[in-house]
PDB file of all heavy atoms in Angstrom:
ATOM      1  N   THR A   1    -178.071 232.652 -10.109  1.00  0.00           N
ATOM      2  CA  THR A   1    -178.225 232.026 -11.423  1.00  0.00           C
ATOM      3  C   THR A   1    -179.552 232.388 -12.060  1.00  0.00           C
ATOM      4  O   THR A   1    -179.785 232.055 -13.221  1.00  0.00           O
ATOM      5  CB  THR A   1    -178.130 230.493 -11.300  1.00  0.00           C
ATOM      6  OG1 THR A   1    -179.062 230.046 -10.306  1.00  0.00           O
ATOM      7  CG2 THR A   1    -176.731 230.063 -10.899  1.00  0.00           C
ATOM      8  N   GLU A   2    -180.420 233.027 -11.300  1.00  0.00           N
ATOM      9  CA  GLU A   2    -181.722 233.422 -11.850  1.00  0.00           C
ATOM     10  C   GLU A   2    -182.046 234.825 -11.384  1.00  0.00           C
ATOM     11  O   GLU A   2    -181.454 235.334 -10.437  1.00  0.00           O
ATOM     12  CB  GLU A   2    -182.820 232.457 -11.385  1.00  0.00           C
ATOM     13  CG  GLU A   2    -183.079 232.497  -9.886  1.00  0.00           C
ATOM     14  CD  GLU A   2    -184.238 231.625  -9.455  1.00  0.00           C
ATOM     15  OE1 GLU A   2    -184.611 230.723 -10.200  1.00  0.00           O
ATOM     16  OE2 GLU A   2    -184.769 231.857  -8.353  1.00  0.00           O
ATOM     17  N   GLY A   3    -182.989 235.440 -12.066  1.00  0.00           N
ATOM     18  CA  GLY A   3    -183.407 236.771 -11.674  1.00  0.00           C
ATOM     19  C   GLY A   3    -184.016 236.772 -10.285  1.00  0.00           C
ATOM     20  O   GLY A   3    -184.846 235.930  -9.961  1.00  0.00           O
ATOM     21  N   THR A   4    -183.597 237.700  -9.454  1.00  0.00           N
ATOM     22  CA  THR A   4    -184.109 237.807  -8.100  1.00  0.00           C
ATOM     23  C   THR A   4    -185.361 238.669  -8.118  1.00  0.00           C
ATOM     24  O   THR A   4    -185.356 239.794  -8.626  1.00  0.00           O
ATOM     25  CB  THR A   4    -183.058 238.428  -7.169  1.00  0.00           C
ATOM     26  OG1 THR A   4    -181.886 237.599  -7.186  1.00  0.00           O
ATOM     27  CG2 THR A   4    -183.575 238.526  -5.752  1.00  0.00           C
ATOM     28  N   ILE A   5    -186.466 238.142  -7.568  1.00  0.00           N
ATOM     29  CA  ILE A   5    -187.732 238.864  -7.519  1.00  0.00           C
ATOM     30  C   ILE A   5    -187.740 239.671  -6.231  1.00  0.00           C
ATOM     31  O   ILE A   5    -187.929 239.135  -5.141  1.00  0.00           O
ATOM     32  CB  ILE A   5    -188.930 237.894  -7.564  1.00  0.00           C
ATOM     33  CG1 ILE A   5    -188.786 236.923  -8.753  1.00  0.00           C
ATOM     34  CG2 ILE A   5    -190.248 238.657  -7.657  1.00  0.00           C
ATOM     35  CD1 ILE A   5    -189.792 235.799  -8.744  1.00  0.00           C
ATOM     36  N   LEU A   6    -187.525 240.973  -6.353  1.00  0.00           N
ATOM     37  CA  LEU A   6    -187.318 241.802  -5.169  1.00  0.00           C
ATOM     38  C   LEU A   6    -188.516 241.796  -4.227  1.00  0.00           C
ATOM     39  O   LEU A   6    -188.351 241.891  -3.003  1.00  0.00           O
ATOM     40  CB  LEU A   6    -186.972 243.231  -5.593  1.00  0.00           C
ATOM     41  CG  LEU A   6    -185.662 243.381  -6.383  1.00  0.00           C
ATOM     42  CD1 LEU A   6    -185.439 244.844  -6.746  1.00  0.00           C
ATOM     43  CD2 LEU A   6    -184.476 242.845  -5.595  1.00  0.00           C
ATOM     44  N   GLU A   7    -189.729 241.654  -4.773  1.00  0.00           N
ATOM     45  CA  GLU A   7    -190.901 241.683  -3.899  1.00  0.00           C
ATOM     46  C   GLU A   7    -191.015 240.414  -3.049  1.00  0.00           C
ATOM     47  O   GLU A   7    -191.817 240.372  -2.105  1.00  0.00           O
ATOM     48  CB  GLU A   7    -192.189 241.873  -4.720  1.00  0.00           C
ATOM     49  CG  GLU A   7    -192.425 240.845  -5.794  1.00  0.00           C
ATOM     50  CD  GLU A   7    -191.884 241.300  -7.159  1.00  0.00           C
ATOM     51  OE1 GLU A   7    -190.918 242.080  -7.199  1.00  0.00           O
ATOM     52  OE2 GLU A   7    -192.447 240.840  -8.168  1.00  0.00           O
ATOM     53  N   ARG A   8    -190.226 239.380  -3.365  1.00  0.00           N
ATOM     54  CA  ARG A   8    -190.256 238.170  -2.546  1.00  0.00           C
ATOM     55  C   ARG A   8    -189.327 238.272  -1.346  1.00  0.00           C
ATOM     56  O   ARG A   8    -189.374 237.416  -0.465  1.00  0.00           O
ATOM     57  CB  ARG A   8    -189.852 236.952  -3.401  1.00  0.00           C
ATOM     58  CG  ARG A   8    -190.864 236.572  -4.454  1.00  0.00           C
ATOM     59  CD  ARG A   8    -190.483 235.305  -5.172  1.00  0.00           C
ATOM     60  NE  ARG A   8    -190.427 234.171  -4.248  1.00  0.00           N
ATOM     61  CZ  ARG A   8    -190.010 232.970  -4.612  1.00  0.00           C
ATOM     62  NH1 ARG A   8    -189.602 232.750  -5.846  1.00  0.00           N
ATOM     63  NH2 ARG A   8    -189.988 231.970  -3.735  1.00  0.00           N
ATOM     64  N   ILE A   9    -188.500 239.320  -1.284  1.00  0.00           N
ATOM     65  CA  ILE A   9    -187.528 239.426  -0.200  1.00  0.00           C
ATOM     66  C   ILE A   9    -188.127 239.984   1.090  1.00  0.00           C
ATOM     67  O   ILE A   9    -187.837 239.464   2.186  1.00  0.00           O
ATOM     68  CB  ILE A   9    -186.315 240.256  -0.652  1.00  0.00           C
ATOM     69  CG1 ILE A   9    -185.572 239.504  -1.787  1.00  0.00           C
ATOM     70  CG2 ILE A   9    -185.377 240.531   0.504  1.00  0.00           C
ATOM     71  CD1 ILE A   9    -184.374 240.237  -2.318  1.00  0.00           C
ATOM     72  N   PRO A  10    -188.973 241.049   1.062  1.00  0.00           N
ATOM     73  CA  PRO A  10    -189.465 241.624   2.322  1.00  0.00           C
ATOM     74  C   PRO A  10    -190.104 240.643   3.301  1.00  0.00           C
ATOM     75  O   PRO A  10    -189.789 240.681   4.493  1.00  0.00           O
ATOM     76  CB  PRO A  10    -190.456 242.696   1.853  1.00  0.00           C
ATOM     77  CG  PRO A  10    -189.904 243.132   0.528  1.00  0.00           C
ATOM     78  CD  PRO A  10    -189.379 241.870  -0.101  1.00  0.00           C
ATOM     79  N   PRO A  11    -191.004 239.720   2.856  1.00  0.00           N
ATOM     80  CA  PRO A  11    -191.558 238.789   3.853  1.00  0.00           C
ATOM     81  C   PRO A  11    -190.505 237.868   4.450  1.00  0.00           C
ATOM     82  O   PRO A  11    -190.591 237.491   5.630  1.00  0.00           O
ATOM     83  CB  PRO A  11    -192.608 237.985   3.063  1.00  0.00           C
ATOM     84  CG  PRO A  11    -192.272 238.207   1.626  1.00  0.00           C
ATOM     85  CD  PRO A  11    -191.646 239.546   1.539  1.00  0.00           C
ATOM     86  N   ARG A  12    -189.497 237.525   3.686  1.00  0.00           N
ATOM     87  CA  ARG A  12    -188.408 236.686   4.208  1.00  0.00           C
ATOM     88  C   ARG A  12    -187.548 237.477   5.191  1.00  0.00           C
ATOM     89  O   ARG A  12    -187.026 236.914   6.152  1.00  0.00           O
ATOM     90  CB  ARG A  12    -187.564 236.161   3.042  1.00  0.00           C
ATOM     91  CG  ARG A  12    -188.317 235.200   2.142  1.00  0.00           C
ATOM     92  CD  ARG A  12    -187.556 234.958   0.848  1.00  0.00           C
ATOM     93  NE  ARG A  12    -188.305 234.095  -0.055  1.00  0.00           N
ATOM     94  CZ  ARG A  12    -187.969 232.826  -0.342  1.00  0.00           C
ATOM     95  NH1 ARG A  12    -186.915 232.302   0.236  1.00  0.00           N
ATOM     96  NH2 ARG A  12    -188.691 232.115  -1.178  1.00  0.00           N
ATOM     97  N   ILE A  13    -187.393 238.783   4.918  1.00  0.00           N
ATOM     98  CA  ILE A  13    -186.646 239.620   5.862  1.00  0.00           C
ATOM     99  C   ILE A  13    -187.352 239.649   7.212  1.00  0.00           C
ATOM    100  O   ILE A  13    -186.710 239.581   8.268  1.00  0.00           O
ATOM    101  CB  ILE A  13    -186.473 241.043   5.294  1.00  0.00           C
ATOM    102  CG1 ILE A  13    -185.452 241.025   4.133  1.00  0.00           C
ATOM    103  CG2 ILE A  13    -186.037 242.011   6.376  1.00  0.00           C
ATOM    104  CD1 ILE A  13    -185.258 242.360   3.467  1.00  0.00           C
ATOM    105  N   ARG A  14    -188.664 239.734   7.194  1.00  0.00           N
ATOM    106  CA  ARG A  14    -189.433 239.761   8.452  1.00  0.00           C
ATOM    107  C   ARG A  14    -189.178 238.490   9.269  1.00  0.00           C
ATOM    108  O   ARG A  14    -189.133 238.529  10.505  1.00  0.00           O
ATOM    109  CB  ARG A  14    -190.913 239.891   8.148  1.00  0.00           C
ATOM    110  CG  ARG A  14    -191.318 241.238   7.560  1.00  0.00           C
ATOM    111  CD  ARG A  14    -192.762 241.223   7.150  1.00  0.00           C
ATOM    112  NE  ARG A  14    -193.653 240.961   8.278  1.00  0.00           N
ATOM    113  CZ  ARG A  14    -194.937 240.622   8.137  1.00  0.00           C
ATOM    114  NH1 ARG A  14    -195.459 240.487   6.913  1.00  0.00           N
ATOM    115  NH2 ARG A  14    -195.677 240.407   9.194  1.00  0.00           N
ATOM    116  N   ILE A  15    -189.007 237.366   8.576  1.00  0.00           N
ATOM    117  CA  ILE A  15    -188.785 236.098   9.268  1.00  0.00           C
ATOM    118  C   ILE A  15    -187.377 236.018   9.837  1.00  0.00           C
ATOM    119  O   ILE A  15    -187.160 235.582  10.960  1.00  0.00           O
ATOM    120  CB  ILE A  15    -189.031 234.922   8.288  1.00  0.00           C
ATOM    121  CG1 ILE A  15    -190.501 234.914   7.846  1.00  0.00           C
ATOM    122  CG2 ILE A  15    -188.646 233.595   8.929  1.00  0.00           C
ATOM    123  CD1 ILE A  15    -190.781 234.001   6.687  1.00  0.00           C
ATOM    124  N   ARG A  16    -186.385 236.474   9.084  1.00  0.00           N
ATOM    125  CA  ARG A  16    -184.981 236.301   9.471  1.00  0.00           C
ATOM    126  C   ARG A  16    -184.452 237.422  10.352  1.00  0.00           C
ATOM    127  O   ARG A  16    -183.546 237.215  11.162  1.00  0.00           O
ATOM    128  CB  ARG A  16    -184.117 236.192   8.203  1.00  0.00           C
ATOM    129  CG  ARG A  16    -182.624 235.945   8.482  1.00  0.00           C
ATOM    130  CD  ARG A  16    -181.823 235.934   7.187  1.00  0.00           C
ATOM    131  NE  ARG A  16    -180.395 235.849   7.440  1.00  0.00           N
ATOM    132  CZ  ARG A  16    -179.679 234.747   7.361  1.00  0.00           C
ATOM    133  NH1 ARG A  16    -180.258 233.600   7.041  1.00  0.00           N
ATOM    134  NH2 ARG A  16    -178.369 234.770   7.602  1.00  0.00           N
ATOM    135  N   LYS A  17    -185.007 238.624  10.229  1.00  0.00           N
ATOM    136  CA  LYS A  17    -184.375 239.818  10.794  1.00  0.00           C
ATOM    137  C   LYS A  17    -184.091 239.694  12.284  1.00  0.00           C
ATOM    138  O   LYS A  17    -183.011 240.051  12.762  1.00  0.00           O
ATOM    139  CB  LYS A  17    -185.232 241.050  10.514  1.00  0.00           C
ATOM    140  CG  LYS A  17    -184.542 242.350  10.895  1.00  0.00           C
ATOM    141  CD  LYS A  17    -185.315 243.552  10.389  1.00  0.00           C
ATOM    142  CE  LYS A  17    -184.566 244.840  10.689  1.00  0.00           C
ATOM    143  NZ  LYS A  17    -185.291 246.029  10.201  1.00  0.00           N
ATOM    144  N   ASP A  18    -185.043 239.239  13.074  1.00  0.00           N
ATOM    145  CA  ASP A  18    -184.855 239.135  14.517  1.00  0.00           C
ATOM    146  C   ASP A  18    -184.614 237.706  14.971  1.00  0.00           C
ATOM    147  O   ASP A  18    -184.643 237.420  16.179  1.00  0.00           O
ATOM    148  CB  ASP A  18    -186.064 239.713  15.247  1.00  0.00           C
ATOM    149  CG  ASP A  18    -186.204 241.215  15.006  1.00  0.00           C
ATOM    150  OD1 ASP A  18    -185.163 241.903  15.001  1.00  0.00           O
ATOM    151  OD2 ASP A  18    -187.341 241.686  14.820  1.00  0.00           O
ATOM    152  N   ALA A  19    -184.394 236.804  14.007  1.00  0.00           N
ATOM    153  CA  ALA A  19    -184.186 235.395  14.358  1.00  0.00           C
ATOM    154  C   ALA A  19    -182.765 235.196  14.902  1.00  0.00           C
ATOM    155  O   ALA A  19    -181.804 235.715  14.341  1.00  0.00           O
ATOM    156  CB  ALA A  19    -184.395 234.524  13.129  1.00  0.00           C
ATOM    157  N   PRO A  20    -182.612 234.420  15.984  1.00  0.00           N
ATOM    158  CA  PRO A  20    -181.267 234.152  16.499  1.00  0.00           C
ATOM    159  C   PRO A  20    -180.525 233.080  15.729  1.00  0.00           C
ATOM    160  O   PRO A  20    -179.304 232.944  15.863  1.00  0.00           O
ATOM    161  CB  PRO A  20    -181.540 233.696  17.937  1.00  0.00           C
ATOM    162  CG  PRO A  20    -182.906 233.101  17.892  1.00  0.00           C
ATOM    163  CD  PRO A  20    -183.668 233.898  16.869  1.00  0.00           C
ATOM    164  N   LEU A  21    -181.252 232.306  14.906  1.00  0.00           N
ATOM    165  CA  LEU A  21    -180.650 231.205  14.167  1.00  0.00           C
ATOM    166  C   LEU A  21    -180.976 231.307  12.682  1.00  0.00           C
ATOM    167  O   LEU A  21    -181.978 231.902  12.293  1.00  0.00           O
ATOM    168  CB  LEU A  21    -181.181 229.858  14.673  1.00  0.00           C
ATOM    169  CG  LEU A  21    -180.899 229.455  16.113  1.00  0.00           C
ATOM    170  CD1 LEU A  21    -181.651 228.165  16.440  1.00  0.00           C
ATOM    171  CD2 LEU A  21    -179.406 229.285  16.348  1.00  0.00           C
ATOM    172  N   GLU A  22    -180.128 230.685  11.878  1.00  0.00           N
ATOM    173  CA  GLU A  22    -180.474 230.432  10.480  1.00  0.00           C
ATOM    174  C   GLU A  22    -180.517 228.927  10.267  1.00  0.00           C
ATOM    175  O   GLU A  22    -179.739 228.169  10.860  1.00  0.00           O
ATOM    176  CB  GLU A  22    -179.471 231.073   9.517  1.00  0.00           C
ATOM    177  CG  GLU A  22    -178.058 230.530   9.591  1.00  0.00           C
ATOM    178  CD  GLU A  22    -177.153 231.127   8.518  1.00  0.00           C
ATOM    179  OE1 GLU A  22    -177.648 231.910   7.700  1.00  0.00           O
ATOM    180  OE2 GLU A  22    -175.957 230.778   8.505  1.00  0.00           O
ATOM    181  N   LEU A  23    -181.464 228.493   9.456  1.00  0.00           N
ATOM    182  CA  LEU A  23    -181.615 227.095   9.071  1.00  0.00           C
ATOM    183  C   LEU A  23    -181.540 227.076   7.546  1.00  0.00           C
ATOM    184  O   LEU A  23    -182.447 227.544   6.875  1.00  0.00           O
ATOM    185  CB  LEU A  23    -182.955 226.517   9.505  1.00  0.00           C
ATOM    186  CG  LEU A  23    -183.269 226.404  10.992  1.00  0.00           C
ATOM    187  CD1 LEU A  23    -183.617 227.745  11.605  1.00  0.00           C
ATOM    188  CD2 LEU A  23    -184.427 225.438  11.191  1.00  0.00           C
ATOM    189  N   PRO A  24    -180.471 226.568   6.963  1.00  0.00           N
ATOM    190  CA  PRO A  24    -180.340 226.693   5.509  1.00  0.00           C
ATOM    191  C   PRO A  24    -181.007 225.558   4.734  1.00  0.00           C
ATOM    192  O   PRO A  24    -180.953 224.393   5.113  1.00  0.00           O
ATOM    193  CB  PRO A  24    -178.816 226.633   5.317  1.00  0.00           C
ATOM    194  CG  PRO A  24    -178.351 225.748   6.433  1.00  0.00           C
ATOM    195  CD  PRO A  24    -179.261 226.049   7.596  1.00  0.00           C
ATOM    196  N   HIS A  25    -181.683 225.952   3.655  1.00  0.00           N
ATOM    197  CA  HIS A  25    -182.033 224.975   2.624  1.00  0.00           C
ATOM    198  C   HIS A  25    -181.318 225.344   1.325  1.00  0.00           C
ATOM    199  O   HIS A  25    -181.660 224.858   0.247  1.00  0.00           O
ATOM    200  CB  HIS A  25    -183.554 224.914   2.413  1.00  0.00           C
ATOM    201  CG  HIS A  25    -184.153 226.119   1.763  1.00  0.00           C
ATOM    202  ND1 HIS A  25    -184.763 227.132   2.464  1.00  0.00           N
ATOM    203  CD2 HIS A  25    -184.238 226.487   0.463  1.00  0.00           C
ATOM    204  CE1 HIS A  25    -185.210 228.049   1.642  1.00  0.00           C
ATOM    205  NE2 HIS A  25    -184.899 227.692   0.409  1.00  0.00           N
ATOM    206  N   ILE A  26    -180.288 226.177   1.438  1.00  0.00           N
ATOM    207  CA  ILE A  26    -179.594 226.731   0.276  1.00  0.00           C
ATOM    208  C   ILE A  26    -178.568 225.726  -0.262  1.00  0.00           C
ATOM    209  O   ILE A  26    -177.745 225.199   0.490  1.00  0.00           O
ATOM    210  CB  ILE A  26    -178.875 228.050   0.663  1.00  0.00           C
ATOM    211  CG1 ILE A  26    -179.880 229.073   1.174  1.00  0.00           C
ATOM    212  CG2 ILE A  26    -178.085 228.596  -0.522  1.00  0.00           C
ATOM    213  CD1 ILE A  26    -179.241 230.283   1.822  1.00  0.00           C
TER     214      ILE A  26
END
């Protein structure tokens, strides 16, 4: 619903990429 700021994705990828779990606040 809003413009996605691509530069905000890489640090989040680092957090999620090797994580065995997801915890949603979505």
